Amino acid sequence: MVIVAVMLFLVAIVATVGGIYYEVQMTKSKTAAKLGRATGHLEDELADAKADRDRLLRRVEALEAIVTSEGYDLEREARAAGLAPGRIDAGLLGDSAPPEPSEPEPVVQRQRTR
């Protein structure tokens, strides 16, 4: 008789633990499904951000190659010395004449008040 009572007690404990385990697993799966729906758009945004980063990285590498090339430095020095024309074609700017340089505005000194 004692064995039957112990068996019934053990069956009740195992059933309770099994039910709790089942509920925890169901809650986990529901939460994972909700999380997947809530963060689905983030994967698209991440892919777009990675594509933008790669595009900008290629642009920076191209600009670094231009700036570090010998031809760029020589051309820049020649323009600075007045030996080479600038890269901007004045004919493409339109019919308007370049604006006259104006007098620089005086610098106003501010004094601190305490």
Protein backbone atom coordinates (compact mmCIF):
# COMPACT_ATOMS: atom_id res chain seq x y z
CA MET A 1 0.00 0.00 0.00
CA VAL A 2 2.84 2.32 0.80
CA ILE A 3 4.37 1.59 -2.58
CA VAL A 4 1.14 2.56 -4.34
CA ALA A 5 1.00 5.86 -2.43
CA VAL A 6 4.64 6.64 -3.30
CA MET A 7 3.99 5.78 -6.95
CA LEU A 8 0.96 8.07 -7.06
CA PHE A 9 3.00 10.83 -5.44
CA LEU A 10 5.84 10.38 -7.98
CA VAL A 11 3.39 10.35 -10.91
CA ALA A 12 1.89 13.63 -9.71
CA ILE A 13 5.35 15.22 -9.39
CA VAL A 14 6.45 14.03 -12.83
CA ALA A 15 3.19 15.26 -14.40
CA THR A 16 3.58 18.68 -12.76
CA VAL A 17 7.22 19.04 -13.84
CA GLY A 18 6.33 17.87 -17.36
CA GLY A 19 3.47 20.39 -17.59
CA ILE A 20 5.73 23.22 -16.43
CA TYR A 21 8.40 22.20 -18.94
CA TYR A 22 5.81 22.12 -21.73
CA GLU A 23 4.53 25.61 -20.83
CA VAL A 24 8.05 27.04 -20.74
CA GLN A 25 8.82 25.59 -24.18
CA MET A 26 5.55 26.94 -25.63
CA THR A 27 6.29 30.40 -24.21
CA LYS A 28 9.79 30.31 -25.69
CA SER A 29 8.51 29.38 -29.15
CA LYS A 30 5.80 32.08 -29.07
CA THR A 31 8.32 34.68 -27.95
CA ALA A 32 10.77 33.64 -30.66
CA ALA A 33 8.06 33.93 -33.31
CA LYS A 34 7.08 37.41 -32.09
CA LEU A 35 10.70 38.48 -31.99
CA GLY A 36 11.25 37.22 -35.52
CA ARG A 37 8.31 39.25 -36.80
CA ALA A 38 9.40 42.33 -34.85
CA THR A 39 13.00 42.26 -36.08
CA GLY A 40 12.45 41.14 -39.68
CA HIS A 41 12.83 44.67 -41.03
CA LEU A 42 16.13 45.06 -39.18
CA GLU A 43 17.75 42.42 -41.37
CA ASP A 44 16.82 44.46 -44.46
CA GLU A 45 18.15 47.65 -42.88
CA LEU A 46 21.37 45.87 -41.93
CA ALA A 47 21.84 44.61 -45.49
CA ASP A 48 21.26 48.15 -46.84
CA ALA A 49 23.73 49.60 -44.33
CA LYS A 50 26.36 47.02 -45.29
CA ALA A 51 25.86 47.80 -49.00
CA ASP A 52 26.21 51.54 -48.28
CA ARG A 53 29.34 50.91 -46.23
CA ASP A 54 30.89 48.84 -49.02
CA ARG A 55 30.02 51.50 -51.61
CA LEU A 56 31.50 54.28 -49.47
CA LEU A 57 34.60 52.19 -48.78
CA ARG A 58 35.18 51.78 -52.52
CA ARG A 59 34.75 55.54 -53.00
CA VAL A 60 37.23 56.34 -50.23
CA GLU A 61 39.75 53.89 -51.69
CA ALA A 62 39.36 55.52 -55.12
CA LEU A 63 39.83 58.98 -53.64
CA GLU A 64 42.90 57.82 -51.72
CA ALA A 65 44.34 56.40 -54.93
CA ILE A 66 43.75 59.72 -56.72
CA VAL A 67 45.18 61.87 -53.96
CA THR A 68 48.26 59.73 -53.42
CA SER A 69 49.14 59.44 -57.11
CA GLU A 70 52.15 61.39 -58.42
CA GLY A 71 50.16 62.95 -61.24
CA TYR A 72 47.72 64.54 -58.82
CA ASP A 73 50.49 66.11 -56.77
CA LEU A 74 52.32 67.44 -59.83
CA GLU A 75 49.15 68.89 -61.30
CA ARG A 76 48.23 70.54 -58.02
CA GLU A 77 51.68 72.08 -57.69
CA ALA A 78 51.57 73.31 -61.29
CA ARG A 79 48.21 74.98 -60.70
CA ALA A 80 49.51 76.58 -57.50
CA ALA A 81 52.53 77.93 -59.39
CA GLY A 82 50.31 79.23 -62.20
CA LEU A 83 51.83 76.89 -64.78
CA ALA A 84 48.68 74.87 -65.46
CA PRO A 85 45.09 76.01 -65.91
CA GLY A 86 42.53 75.06 -63.31
CA ARG A 87 40.23 72.14 -63.86
CA ILE A 88 37.09 74.27 -64.11
CA ASP A 89 36.29 75.39 -67.62
CA ALA A 90 35.13 79.03 -67.44
CA GLY A 91 32.93 78.52 -70.53
CA LEU A 92 30.84 75.96 -68.65
CA LEU A 93 30.04 78.39 -65.85
CA GLY A 94 27.71 80.49 -67.98
CA ASP A 95 27.67 84.07 -69.23
CA SER A 96 27.90 85.70 -65.83
CA ALA A 97 31.18 87.31 -64.85
CA PRO A 98 32.82 86.21 -61.64
CA PRO A 99 31.75 88.31 -58.67
CA GLU A 100 34.03 91.15 -57.62
CA PRO A 101 35.86 90.55 -54.37
CA SER A 102 34.29 92.57 -51.62
CA GLU A 103 35.82 94.22 -48.62
CA PRO A 104 36.16 91.81 -45.74
CA GLU A 105 33.78 92.49 -42.91
CA PRO A 106 35.43 93.79 -39.75
CA VAL A 107 35.84 91.28 -36.97
CA VAL A 108 33.90 92.20 -33.90
CA GLN A 109 35.66 91.39 -30.67
CA ARG A 110 33.43 90.12 -27.92
CA GLN A 111 34.33 90.67 -24.33
CA ARG A 112 33.41 88.29 -21.61
CA THR A 113 31.23 89.55 -18.84
CA ARG A 114 31.19 87.80 -15.54
